[in-house]
Amino acid sequence: MAHKKGAGSTKNGRDSQAKRLGVKMIGSQPIKVGQIIARQRGYTIKAGKNVGVGRDFTLYALKDGHVNFTDIRGSKKEVSVKLLLWESLANELGYANWESLKNSFDLED
């Protein structure tokens, strides 16, 4: 019986955890604030309107709406969040979101 491991077996036995990178939301799918759109390393997909970028290049929604992917310069892609009709109306009127617009019209008894 050998008392020492063979040369090849000592270099084996280690592996890193999978990072689960990739697109998490597809085009025209409804999305809420803070939900992750894509996890990536580097700027594989660029952030468009209403999309934030995390420290690890994670793309996430800044507003409620629908995911929208567009092609830019060959194989590059850009993702943005198209606002829902009432959200875009609230933004045009100068409110942060639909809830703040709604609260401004609530009348107390």
PDB file of N, CA and C in Angstrom:
ATOM      1  N   MET A   1       0.833  -1.192   0.000  1.00  0.00           N
ATOM      2  CA  MET A   1       0.000   0.000   0.000  1.00  0.00           C
ATOM      3  C   MET A   1       0.867   1.241   0.000  1.00  0.00           C
ATOM      4  N   ALA A   2       0.450   2.209  -0.821  1.00  0.00           N
ATOM      5  CA  ALA A   2       1.195   3.462  -0.891  1.00  0.00           C
ATOM      6  C   ALA A   2       0.817   4.345   0.289  1.00  0.00           C
ATOM      7  N   HIS A   3       1.828   5.000   0.828  1.00  0.00           N
ATOM      8  CA  HIS A   3       1.579   5.915   1.939  1.00  0.00           C
ATOM      9  C   HIS A   3       1.498   7.353   1.472  1.00  0.00           C
ATOM     10  N   LYS A   4       1.793   7.585   0.211  1.00  0.00           N
ATOM     11  CA  LYS A   4       1.712   8.943  -0.339  1.00  0.00           C
ATOM     12  C   LYS A   4       0.797   8.921  -1.570  1.00  0.00           C
ATOM     13  N   LYS A   5       0.137  10.044  -1.783  1.00  0.00           N
ATOM     14  CA  LYS A   5      -0.737  10.136  -2.954  1.00  0.00           C
ATOM     15  C   LYS A   5       0.103  10.234  -4.214  1.00  0.00           C
ATOM     16  N   GLY A   6      -0.452   9.788  -5.299  1.00  0.00           N
ATOM     17  CA  GLY A   6       0.243   9.901  -6.577  1.00  0.00           C
ATOM     18  C   GLY A   6       0.348  11.354  -7.015  1.00  0.00           C
ATOM     19  N   ALA A   7       1.234  11.650  -7.928  1.00  0.00           N
ATOM     20  CA  ALA A   7       1.484  13.029  -8.350  1.00  0.00           C
ATOM     21  C   ALA A   7       0.258  13.674  -8.999  1.00  0.00           C
ATOM     22  N   GLY A   8      -0.517  12.928  -9.775  1.00  0.00           N
ATOM     23  CA  GLY A   8      -1.666  13.503 -10.466  1.00  0.00           C
ATOM     24  C   GLY A   8      -2.835  13.775  -9.536  1.00  0.00           C
ATOM     25  N   SER A   9      -3.059  12.912  -8.567  1.00  0.00           N
ATOM     26  CA  SER A   9      -4.244  13.047  -7.722  1.00  0.00           C
ATOM     27  C   SER A   9      -4.155  14.222  -6.761  1.00  0.00           C
ATOM     28  N   THR A  10      -2.976  14.701  -6.437  1.00  0.00           N
ATOM     29  CA  THR A  10      -2.862  15.829  -5.513  1.00  0.00           C
ATOM     30  C   THR A  10      -3.266  17.139  -6.177  1.00  0.00           C
ATOM     31  N   LYS A  11      -3.243  17.193  -7.494  1.00  0.00           N
ATOM     32  CA  LYS A  11      -3.619  18.415  -8.196  1.00  0.00           C
ATOM     33  C   LYS A  11      -5.122  18.466  -8.486  1.00  0.00           C
ATOM     34  N   ASN A  12      -5.820  17.407  -8.217  1.00  0.00           N
ATOM     35  CA  ASN A  12      -7.261  17.351  -8.476  1.00  0.00           C
ATOM     36  C   ASN A  12      -8.045  17.689  -7.214  1.00  0.00           C
ATOM     37  N   GLY A  13      -9.367  17.707  -7.325  1.00  0.00           N
ATOM     38  CA  GLY A  13     -10.220  17.804  -6.149  1.00  0.00           C
ATOM     39  C   GLY A  13     -10.658  19.208  -5.770  1.00  0.00           C
ATOM     40  N   ARG A  14     -10.413  20.200  -6.605  1.00  0.00           N
ATOM     41  CA  ARG A  14     -10.869  21.555  -6.306  1.00  0.00           C
ATOM     42  C   ARG A  14     -11.672  22.068  -7.500  1.00  0.00           C
ATOM     43  N   ASP A  15     -12.723  22.816  -7.204  1.00  0.00           N
ATOM     44  CA  ASP A  15     -13.519  23.423  -8.262  1.00  0.00           C
ATOM     45  C   ASP A  15     -14.269  24.607  -7.666  1.00  0.00           C
ATOM     46  N   SER A  16     -14.497  25.645  -8.453  1.00  0.00           N
ATOM     47  CA  SER A  16     -15.212  26.818  -7.953  1.00  0.00           C
ATOM     48  C   SER A  16     -16.708  26.659  -8.200  1.00  0.00           C
ATOM     49  N   GLN A  17     -17.471  27.370  -7.410  1.00  0.00           N
ATOM     50  CA  GLN A  17     -18.922  27.355  -7.567  1.00  0.00           C
ATOM     51  C   GLN A  17     -19.305  28.056  -8.868  1.00  0.00           C
ATOM     52  N   ALA A  18     -20.345  27.569  -9.529  1.00  0.00           N
ATOM     53  CA  ALA A  18     -20.858  28.232 -10.727  1.00  0.00           C
ATOM     54  C   ALA A  18     -21.425  29.588 -10.331  1.00  0.00           C
ATOM     55  N   LYS A  19     -21.233  30.597 -11.150  1.00  0.00           N
ATOM     56  CA  LYS A  19     -21.642  31.966 -10.811  1.00  0.00           C
ATOM     57  C   LYS A  19     -23.034  32.321 -11.305  1.00  0.00           C
ATOM     58  N   ARG A  20     -23.661  31.470 -12.061  1.00  0.00           N
ATOM     59  CA  ARG A  20     -25.032  31.669 -12.557  1.00  0.00           C
ATOM     60  C   ARG A  20     -25.182  32.986 -13.315  1.00  0.00           C
ATOM     61  N   LEU A  21     -24.283  33.225 -14.241  1.00  0.00           N
ATOM     62  CA  LEU A  21     -24.328  34.434 -15.055  1.00  0.00           C
ATOM     63  C   LEU A  21     -25.332  34.268 -16.186  1.00  0.00           C
ATOM     64  N   GLY A  22     -25.745  35.372 -16.777  1.00  0.00           N
ATOM     65  CA  GLY A  22     -26.619  35.320 -17.939  1.00  0.00           C
ATOM     66  C   GLY A  22     -27.838  36.202 -17.795  1.00  0.00           C
ATOM     67  N   VAL A  23     -28.675  36.174 -18.811  1.00  0.00           N
ATOM     68  CA  VAL A  23     -29.900  36.978 -18.852  1.00  0.00           C
ATOM     69  C   VAL A  23     -30.965  36.300 -18.006  1.00  0.00           C
ATOM     70  N   LYS A  24     -31.592  37.059 -17.118  1.00  0.00           N
ATOM     71  CA  LYS A  24     -32.625  36.526 -16.230  1.00  0.00           C
ATOM     72  C   LYS A  24     -34.038  36.913 -16.672  1.00  0.00           C
ATOM     73  N   MET A  25     -34.160  38.009 -17.426  1.00  0.00           N
ATOM     74  CA  MET A  25     -35.459  38.470 -17.936  1.00  0.00           C
ATOM     75  C   MET A  25     -35.352  38.640 -19.449  1.00  0.00           C
ATOM     76  N   ILE A  26     -36.336  38.138 -20.173  1.00  0.00           N
ATOM     77  CA  ILE A  26     -36.310  38.253 -21.630  1.00  0.00           C
ATOM     78  C   ILE A  26     -37.131  39.462 -22.079  1.00  0.00           C
ATOM     79  N   GLY A  27     -37.035  39.809 -23.346  1.00  0.00           N
ATOM     80  CA  GLY A  27     -37.705  40.981 -23.889  1.00  0.00           C
ATOM     81  C   GLY A  27     -39.211  40.959 -23.723  1.00  0.00           C
ATOM     82  N   SER A  28     -39.795  42.098 -23.448  1.00  0.00           N
ATOM     83  CA  SER A  28     -41.225  42.378 -23.243  1.00  0.00           C
ATOM     84  C   SER A  28     -41.809  41.694 -22.012  1.00  0.00           C
ATOM     85  N   GLN A  29     -40.966  41.160 -21.145  1.00  0.00           N
ATOM     86  CA  GLN A  29     -41.432  40.541 -19.903  1.00  0.00           C
ATOM     87  C   GLN A  29     -41.650  41.640 -18.857  1.00  0.00           C
ATOM     88  N   PRO A  30     -42.760  41.599 -18.092  1.00  0.00           N
ATOM     89  CA  PRO A  30     -42.985  42.621 -17.070  1.00  0.00           C
ATOM     90  C   PRO A  30     -41.932  42.508 -15.955  1.00  0.00           C
ATOM     91  N   ILE A  31     -41.524  43.651 -15.416  1.00  0.00           N
ATOM     92  CA  ILE A  31     -40.477  43.679 -14.400  1.00  0.00           C
ATOM     93  C   ILE A  31     -40.806  44.733 -13.356  1.00  0.00           C
ATOM     94  N   LYS A  32     -40.392  44.483 -12.115  1.00  0.00           N
ATOM     95  CA  LYS A  32     -40.610  45.423 -11.018  1.00  0.00           C
ATOM     96  C   LYS A  32     -39.285  46.047 -10.604  1.00  0.00           C
ATOM     97  N   VAL A  33     -39.365  47.119  -9.837  1.00  0.00           N
ATOM     98  CA  VAL A  33     -38.175  47.831  -9.371  1.00  0.00           C
ATOM     99  C   VAL A  33     -37.261  46.876  -8.602  1.00  0.00           C
ATOM    100  N   GLY A  34     -35.978  46.888  -8.941  1.00  0.00           N
ATOM    101  CA  GLY A  34     -34.990  46.094  -8.230  1.00  0.00           C
ATOM    102  C   GLY A  34     -34.769  44.694  -8.759  1.00  0.00           C
ATOM    103  N   GLN A  35     -35.634  44.218  -9.629  1.00  0.00           N
ATOM    104  CA  GLN A  35     -35.457  42.874 -10.165  1.00  0.00           C
ATOM    105  C   GLN A  35     -34.262  42.844 -11.109  1.00  0.00           C
ATOM    106  N   ILE A  36     -33.542  41.726 -11.092  1.00  0.00           N
ATOM    107  CA  ILE A  36     -32.333  41.576 -11.891  1.00  0.00           C
ATOM    108  C   ILE A  36     -32.700  41.214 -13.327  1.00  0.00           C
ATOM    109  N   ILE A  37     -32.082  41.924 -14.272  1.00  0.00           N
ATOM    110  CA  ILE A  37     -32.299  41.653 -15.691  1.00  0.00           C
ATOM    111  C   ILE A  37     -31.217  40.715 -16.210  1.00  0.00           C
ATOM    112  N   ALA A  38     -29.950  40.981 -15.860  1.00  0.00           N
ATOM    113  CA  ALA A  38     -28.845  40.147 -16.337  1.00  0.00           C
ATOM    114  C   ALA A  38     -27.686  40.216 -15.355  1.00  0.00           C
ATOM    115  N   ARG A  39     -26.988  39.099 -15.194  1.00  0.00           N
ATOM    116  CA  ARG A  39     -25.741  39.050 -14.437  1.00  0.00           C
ATOM    117  C   ARG A  39     -24.632  38.807 -15.442  1.00  0.00           C
ATOM    118  N   GLN A  40     -23.561  39.606 -15.348  1.00  0.00           N
ATOM    119  CA  GLN A  40     -22.522  39.532 -16.363  1.00  0.00           C
ATOM    120  C   GLN A  40     -21.176  39.939 -15.772  1.00  0.00           C
ATOM    121  N   ARG A  41     -20.111  39.651 -16.500  1.00  0.00           N
ATOM    122  CA  ARG A  41     -18.764  40.108 -16.160  1.00  0.00           C
ATOM    123  C   ARG A  41     -18.367  41.096 -17.243  1.00  0.00           C
ATOM    124  N   GLY A  42     -18.208  42.359 -16.896  1.00  0.00           N
ATOM    125  CA  GLY A  42     -17.934  43.392 -17.879  1.00  0.00           C
ATOM    126  C   GLY A  42     -19.223  43.880 -18.498  1.00  0.00           C
ATOM    127  N   TYR A  43     -19.088  44.756 -19.495  1.00  0.00           N
ATOM    128  CA  TYR A  43     -20.270  45.323 -20.144  1.00  0.00           C
ATOM    129  C   TYR A  43     -20.624  44.554 -21.400  1.00  0.00           C
ATOM    130  N   THR A  44     -21.013  43.303 -21.263  1.00  0.00           N
ATOM    131  CA  THR A  44     -21.487  42.516 -22.394  1.00  0.00           C
ATOM    132  C   THR A  44     -22.781  43.117 -22.922  1.00  0.00           C
ATOM    133  N   ILE A  45     -23.658  43.497 -22.000  1.00  0.00           N
ATOM    134  CA  ILE A  45     -24.924  44.161 -22.329  1.00  0.00           C
ATOM    135  C   ILE A  45     -24.873  45.529 -21.664  1.00  0.00           C
ATOM    136  N   LYS A  46     -25.157  46.602 -22.431  1.00  0.00           N
ATOM    137  CA  LYS A  46     -25.120  47.950 -21.881  1.00  0.00           C
ATOM    138  C   LYS A  46     -26.441  48.292 -21.215  1.00  0.00           C
ATOM    139  N   ALA A  47     -26.389  49.171 -20.235  1.00  0.00           N
ATOM    140  CA  ALA A  47     -27.591  49.628 -19.538  1.00  0.00           C
ATOM    141  C   ALA A  47     -28.188  50.819 -20.270  1.00  0.00           C
ATOM    142  N   GLY A  48     -29.496  50.758 -20.524  1.00  0.00           N
ATOM    143  CA  GLY A  48     -30.212  51.852 -21.167  1.00  0.00           C
ATOM    144  C   GLY A  48     -31.037  52.621 -20.152  1.00  0.00           C
ATOM    145  N   LYS A  49     -32.162  53.174 -20.610  1.00  0.00           N
ATOM    146  CA  LYS A  49     -33.036  53.959 -19.735  1.00  0.00           C
ATOM    147  C   LYS A  49     -33.669  53.071 -18.671  1.00  0.00           C
ATOM    148  N   ASN A  50     -33.734  53.604 -17.466  1.00  0.00           N
ATOM    149  CA  ASN A  50     -34.381  52.961 -16.315  1.00  0.00           C
ATOM    150  C   ASN A  50     -33.727  51.633 -15.931  1.00  0.00           C
ATOM    151  N   VAL A  51     -32.434  51.491 -16.229  1.00  0.00           N
ATOM    152  CA  VAL A  51     -31.682  50.291 -15.852  1.00  0.00           C
ATOM    153  C   VAL A  51     -30.438  50.736 -15.103  1.00  0.00           C
ATOM    154  N   GLY A  52     -30.194  50.111 -13.939  1.00  0.00           N
ATOM    155  CA  GLY A  52     -29.024  50.417 -13.138  1.00  0.00           C
ATOM    156  C   GLY A  52     -27.970  49.335 -13.276  1.00  0.00           C
ATOM    157  N   VAL A  53     -26.718  49.685 -12.914  1.00  0.00           N
ATOM    158  CA  VAL A  53     -25.612  48.740 -12.991  1.00  0.00           C
ATOM    159  C   VAL A  53     -25.020  48.584 -11.591  1.00  0.00           C
ATOM    160  N   GLY A  54     -24.897  47.348 -11.136  1.00  0.00           N
ATOM    161  CA  GLY A  54     -24.316  47.064  -9.829  1.00  0.00           C
ATOM    162  C   GLY A  54     -22.800  47.019  -9.883  1.00  0.00           C
ATOM    163  N   ARG A  55     -22.162  46.838  -8.725  1.00  0.00           N
ATOM    164  CA  ARG A  55     -20.700  46.769  -8.640  1.00  0.00           C
ATOM    165  C   ARG A  55     -20.122  45.632  -9.459  1.00  0.00           C
ATOM    166  N   ASP A  56     -20.868  44.533  -9.537  1.00  0.00           N
ATOM    167  CA  ASP A  56     -20.402  43.362 -10.294  1.00  0.00           C
ATOM    168  C   ASP A  56     -21.015  43.319 -11.700  1.00  0.00           C
ATOM    169  N   PHE A  57     -21.396  44.492 -12.234  1.00  0.00           N
ATOM    170  CA  PHE A  57     -21.958  44.655 -13.585  1.00  0.00           C
ATOM    171  C   PHE A  57     -23.348  44.036 -13.742  1.00  0.00           C
ATOM    172  N   THR A  58     -24.020  43.745 -12.632  1.00  0.00           N
ATOM    173  CA  THR A  58     -25.388  43.231 -12.692  1.00  0.00           C
ATOM    174  C   THR A  58     -26.321  44.342 -13.148  1.00  0.00           C
ATOM    175  N   LEU A  59     -27.207  44.042 -14.086  1.00  0.00           N
ATOM    176  CA  LEU A  59     -28.195  45.007 -14.572  1.00  0.00           C
ATOM    177  C   LEU A  59     -29.512  44.773 -13.849  1.00  0.00           C
ATOM    178  N   TYR A  60     -30.125  45.847 -13.334  1.00  0.00           N
ATOM    179  CA  TYR A  60     -31.386  45.716 -12.607  1.00  0.00           C
ATOM    180  C   TYR A  60     -32.314  46.871 -12.965  1.00  0.00           C
ATOM    181  N   ALA A  61     -33.608  46.678 -12.728  1.00  0.00           N
ATOM    182  CA  ALA A  61     -34.626  47.669 -13.099  1.00  0.00           C
ATOM    183  C   ALA A  61     -34.707  48.783 -12.063  1.00  0.00           C
ATOM    184  N   LEU A  62     -34.753  50.023 -12.533  1.00  0.00           N
ATOM    185  CA  LEU A  62     -34.932  51.177 -11.650  1.00  0.00           C
ATOM    186  C   LEU A  62     -36.393  51.595 -11.549  1.00  0.00           C
ATOM    187  N   LYS A  63     -37.209  51.139 -12.488  1.00  0.00           N
ATOM    188  CA  LYS A  63     -38.642  51.462 -12.502  1.00  0.00           C
ATOM    189  C   LYS A  63     -39.435  50.231 -12.933  1.00  0.00           C
ATOM    190  N   ASP A  64     -40.734  50.222 -12.631  1.00  0.00           N
ATOM    191  CA  ASP A  64     -41.621  49.160 -13.113  1.00  0.00           C
ATOM    192  C   ASP A  64     -41.866  49.351 -14.602  1.00  0.00           C
ATOM    193  N   GLY A  65     -42.008  48.254 -15.327  1.00  0.00           N
ATOM    194  CA  GLY A  65     -42.295  48.351 -16.757  1.00  0.00           C
ATOM    195  C   GLY A  65     -42.073  47.039 -17.467  1.00  0.00           C
ATOM    196  N   HIS A  66     -41.614  47.117 -18.716  1.00  0.00           N
ATOM    197  CA  HIS A  66     -41.351  45.939 -19.536  1.00  0.00           C
ATOM    198  C   HIS A  66     -39.918  45.999 -20.044  1.00  0.00           C
ATOM    199  N   VAL A  67     -39.244  44.853 -20.071  1.00  0.00           N
ATOM    200  CA  VAL A  67     -37.860  44.760 -20.531  1.00  0.00           C
ATOM    201  C   VAL A  67     -37.819  44.927 -22.046  1.00  0.00           C
ATOM    202  N   ASN A  68     -36.819  45.679 -22.532  1.00  0.00           N
ATOM    203  CA  ASN A  68     -36.687  45.916 -23.961  1.00  0.00           C
ATOM    204  C   ASN A  68     -35.216  45.814 -24.356  1.00  0.00           C
ATOM    205  N   PHE A  69     -34.867  44.837 -25.200  1.00  0.00           N
ATOM    206  CA  PHE A  69     -33.510  44.664 -25.699  1.00  0.00           C
ATOM    207  C   PHE A  69     -33.406  45.266 -27.100  1.00  0.00           C
ATOM    208  N   THR A  70     -32.299  45.970 -27.379  1.00  0.00           N
ATOM    209  CA  THR A  70     -32.049  46.498 -28.716  1.00  0.00           C
ATOM    210  C   THR A  70     -30.611  46.185 -29.112  1.00  0.00           C
ATOM    211  N   ASP A  71     -30.387  46.009 -30.421  1.00  0.00           N
ATOM    212  CA  ASP A  71     -29.045  45.748 -30.943  1.00  0.00           C
ATOM    213  C   ASP A  71     -28.346  47.078 -31.199  1.00  0.00           C
ATOM    214  N   ILE A  72     -27.072  47.144 -30.799  1.00  0.00           N
ATOM    215  CA  ILE A  72     -26.260  48.324 -31.108  1.00  0.00           C
ATOM    216  C   ILE A  72     -24.897  47.854 -31.590  1.00  0.00           C
ATOM    217  N   ARG A  73     -24.408  48.412 -32.659  1.00  0.00           N
ATOM    218  CA  ARG A  73     -23.083  48.124 -33.199  1.00  0.00           C
ATOM    219  C   ARG A  73     -22.739  46.640 -33.255  1.00  0.00           C
ATOM    220  N   GLY A  74     -23.280  45.947 -34.198  1.00  0.00           N
ATOM    221  CA  GLY A  74     -22.936  44.538 -34.414  1.00  0.00           C
ATOM    222  C   GLY A  74     -23.539  43.610 -33.385  1.00  0.00           C
ATOM    223  N   SER A  75     -22.688  42.961 -32.592  1.00  0.00           N
ATOM    224  CA  SER A  75     -23.174  41.957 -31.647  1.00  0.00           C
ATOM    225  C   SER A  75     -23.487  42.540 -30.272  1.00  0.00           C
ATOM    226  N   LYS A  76     -23.245  43.851 -30.066  1.00  0.00           N
ATOM    227  CA  LYS A  76     -23.533  44.475 -28.765  1.00  0.00           C
ATOM    228  C   LYS A  76     -25.038  44.651 -28.585  1.00  0.00           C
ATOM    229  N   LYS A  77     -25.487  44.570 -27.318  1.00  0.00           N
ATOM    230  CA  LYS A  77     -26.896  44.754 -27.005  1.00  0.00           C
ATOM    231  C   LYS A  77     -27.041  45.803 -25.912  1.00  0.00           C
ATOM    232  N   GLU A  78     -28.214  46.434 -25.890  1.00  0.00           N
ATOM    233  CA  GLU A  78     -28.551  47.391 -24.845  1.00  0.00           C
ATOM    234  C   GLU A  78     -29.914  46.995 -24.300  1.00  0.00           C
ATOM    235  N   VAL A  79     -30.073  47.087 -22.989  1.00  0.00           N
ATOM    236  CA  VAL A  79     -31.354  46.753 -22.381  1.00  0.00           C
ATOM    237  C   VAL A  79     -31.896  47.989 -21.673  1.00  0.00           C
ATOM    238  N   SER A  80     -33.184  48.215 -21.828  1.00  0.00           N
ATOM    239  CA  SER A  80     -33.852  49.314 -21.144  1.00  0.00           C
ATOM    240  C   SER A  80     -35.192  48.812 -20.626  1.00  0.00           C
ATOM    241  N   VAL A  81     -35.787  49.613 -19.740  1.00  0.00           N
ATOM    242  CA  VAL A  81     -37.106  49.262 -19.204  1.00  0.00           C
ATOM    243  C   VAL A  81     -38.090  50.296 -19.724  1.00  0.00           C
ATOM    244  N   LYS A  82     -39.047  49.835 -20.531  1.00  0.00           N
ATOM    245  CA  LYS A  82     -40.104  50.723 -21.014  1.00  0.00           C
ATOM    246  C   LYS A  82     -41.140  50.849 -19.912  1.00  0.00           C
ATOM    247  N   LEU A  83     -41.470  52.080 -19.577  1.00  0.00           N
ATOM    248  CA  LEU A  83     -42.408  52.327 -18.490  1.00  0.00           C
ATOM    249  C   LEU A  83     -43.831  51.968 -18.907  1.00  0.00           C
ATOM    250  N   LEU A  84     -44.625  51.611 -17.922  1.00  0.00           N
ATOM    251  CA  LEU A  84     -46.041  51.392 -18.165  1.00  0.00           C
ATOM    252  C   LEU A  84     -46.683  52.731 -18.490  1.00  0.00           C
ATOM    253  N   LEU A  85     -47.810  52.716 -19.137  1.00  0.00           N
ATOM    254  CA  LEU A  85     -48.463  53.938 -19.616  1.00  0.00           C
ATOM    255  C   LEU A  85     -48.677  54.943 -18.488  1.00  0.00           C
ATOM    256  N   TRP A  86     -49.192  54.498 -17.332  1.00  0.00           N
ATOM    257  CA  TRP A  86     -49.470  55.426 -16.239  1.00  0.00           C
ATOM    258  C   TRP A  86     -48.179  55.925 -15.585  1.00  0.00           C
ATOM    259  N   GLU A  87     -47.116  55.125 -15.601  1.00  0.00           N
ATOM    260  CA  GLU A  87     -45.826  55.574 -15.061  1.00  0.00           C
ATOM    261  C   GLU A  87     -45.243  56.682 -15.934  1.00  0.00           C
ATOM    262  N   SER A  88     -45.306  56.516 -17.250  1.00  0.00           N
ATOM    263  CA  SER A  88     -44.764  57.550 -18.140  1.00  0.00           C
ATOM    264  C   SER A  88     -45.586  58.834 -18.034  1.00  0.00           C
ATOM    265  N   LEU A  89     -46.905  58.708 -17.811  1.00  0.00           N
ATOM    266  CA  LEU A  89     -47.755  59.882 -17.618  1.00  0.00           C
ATOM    267  C   LEU A  89     -47.337  60.624 -16.352  1.00  0.00           C
ATOM    268  N   ALA A  90     -47.090  59.909 -15.272  1.00  0.00           N
ATOM    269  CA  ALA A  90     -46.662  60.532 -14.017  1.00  0.00           C
ATOM    270  C   ALA A  90     -45.324  61.239 -14.196  1.00  0.00           C
ATOM    271  N   ASN A  91     -44.393  60.637 -14.938  1.00  0.00           N
ATOM    272  CA  ASN A  91     -43.090  61.266 -15.180  1.00  0.00           C
ATOM    273  C   ASN A  91     -43.228  62.553 -15.979  1.00  0.00           C
ATOM    274  N   GLU A  92     -44.116  62.551 -16.980  1.00  0.00           N
ATOM    275  CA  GLU A  92     -44.327  63.758 -17.782  1.00  0.00           C
ATOM    276  C   GLU A  92     -44.917  64.884 -16.949  1.00  0.00           C
ATOM    277  N   LEU A  93     -45.720  64.537 -15.954  1.00  0.00           N
ATOM    278  CA  LEU A  93     -46.329  65.552 -15.092  1.00  0.00           C
ATOM    279  C   LEU A  93     -45.379  66.018 -13.986  1.00  0.00           C
ATOM    280  N   GLY A  94     -44.203  65.396 -13.890  1.00  0.00           N
ATOM    281  CA  GLY A  94     -43.209  65.844 -12.921  1.00  0.00           C
ATOM    282  C   GLY A  94     -43.199  65.088 -11.606  1.00  0.00           C
ATOM    283  N   TYR A  95     -43.890  63.950 -11.530  1.00  0.00           N
ATOM    284  CA  TYR A  95     -43.900  63.145 -10.310  1.00  0.00           C
ATOM    285  C   TYR A  95     -42.881  62.008 -10.440  1.00  0.00           C
ATOM    286  N   ALA A  96     -42.387  61.541  -9.296  1.00  0.00           N
ATOM    287  CA  ALA A  96     -41.371  60.486  -9.296  1.00  0.00           C
ATOM    288  C   ALA A  96     -41.940  59.163  -9.805  1.00  0.00           C
ATOM    289  N   ASN A  97     -43.182  58.865  -9.404  1.00  0.00           N
ATOM    290  CA  ASN A  97     -43.814  57.618  -9.841  1.00  0.00           C
ATOM    291  C   ASN A  97     -45.330  57.751  -9.742  1.00  0.00           C
ATOM    292  N   TRP A  98     -46.015  56.686 -10.099  1.00  0.00           N
ATOM    293  CA  TRP A  98     -47.476  56.698 -10.123  1.00  0.00           C
ATOM    294  C   TRP A  98     -48.060  56.874  -8.731  1.00  0.00           C
ATOM    295  N   GLU A  99     -47.431  56.269  -7.719  1.00  0.00           N
ATOM    296  CA  GLU A  99     -47.937  56.354  -6.344  1.00  0.00           C
ATOM    297  C   GLU A  99     -47.947  57.801  -5.841  1.00  0.00           C
ATOM    298  N   SER A 100     -46.887  58.558  -6.122  1.00  0.00           N
ATOM    299  CA  SER A 100     -46.839  59.949  -5.658  1.00  0.00           C
ATOM    300  C   SER A 100     -47.893  60.802  -6.366  1.00  0.00           C
ATOM    301  N   LEU A 101     -48.157  60.517  -7.637  1.00  0.00           N
ATOM    302  CA  LEU A 101     -49.215  61.232  -8.352  1.00  0.00           C
ATOM    303  C   LEU A 101     -50.575  60.901  -7.761  1.00  0.00           C
ATOM    304  N   LYS A 102     -50.801  59.634  -7.495  1.00  0.00           N
ATOM    305  CA  LYS A 102     -52.070  59.176  -6.927  1.00  0.00           C
ATOM    306  C   LYS A 102     -52.292  59.787  -5.548  1.00  0.00           C
ATOM    307  N   ASN A 103     -51.235  59.820  -4.734  1.00  0.00           N
ATOM    308  CA  ASN A 103     -51.359  60.370  -3.360  1.00  0.00           C
ATOM    309  C   ASN A 103     -51.633  61.854  -3.365  1.00  0.00           C
ATOM    310  N   SER A 104     -51.179  62.570  -4.389  1.00  0.00           N
ATOM    311  CA  SER A 104     -51.417  64.015  -4.441  1.00  0.00           C
ATOM    312  C   SER A 104     -52.888  64.336  -4.706  1.00  0.00           C
ATOM    313  N   PHE A 105     -53.652  63.390  -5.266  1.00  0.00           N
ATOM    314  CA  PHE A 105     -55.064  63.612  -5.551  1.00  0.00           C
ATOM    315  C   PHE A 105     -55.999  62.984  -4.527  1.00  0.00           C
ATOM    316  N   ASP A 106     -55.456  62.238  -3.544  1.00  0.00           N
ATOM    317  CA  ASP A 106     -56.307  61.645  -2.508  1.00  0.00           C
ATOM    318  C   ASP A 106     -56.871  62.744  -1.637  1.00  0.00           C
ATOM    319  N   LEU A 107     -58.194  62.735  -1.493  1.00  0.00           N
ATOM    320  CA  LEU A 107     -58.863  63.741  -0.679  1.00  0.00           C
ATOM    321  C   LEU A 107     -59.265  63.140   0.660  1.00  0.00           C
ATOM    322  N   GLU A 108     -59.004  63.870   1.736  1.00  0.00           N
ATOM    323  CA  GLU A 108     -59.380  63.413   3.071  1.00  0.00           C
ATOM    324  C   GLU A 108     -60.822  63.816   3.345  1.00  0.00           C
ATOM    325  N   ASP A 109     -61.539  63.017   4.149  1.00  0.00           N
ATOM    326  CA  ASP A 109     -62.937  63.332   4.477  1.00  0.00           C
ATOM    327  C   ASP A 109     -63.026  64.412   5.539  1.00  0.00           C
TER     328      ASP A 109
END
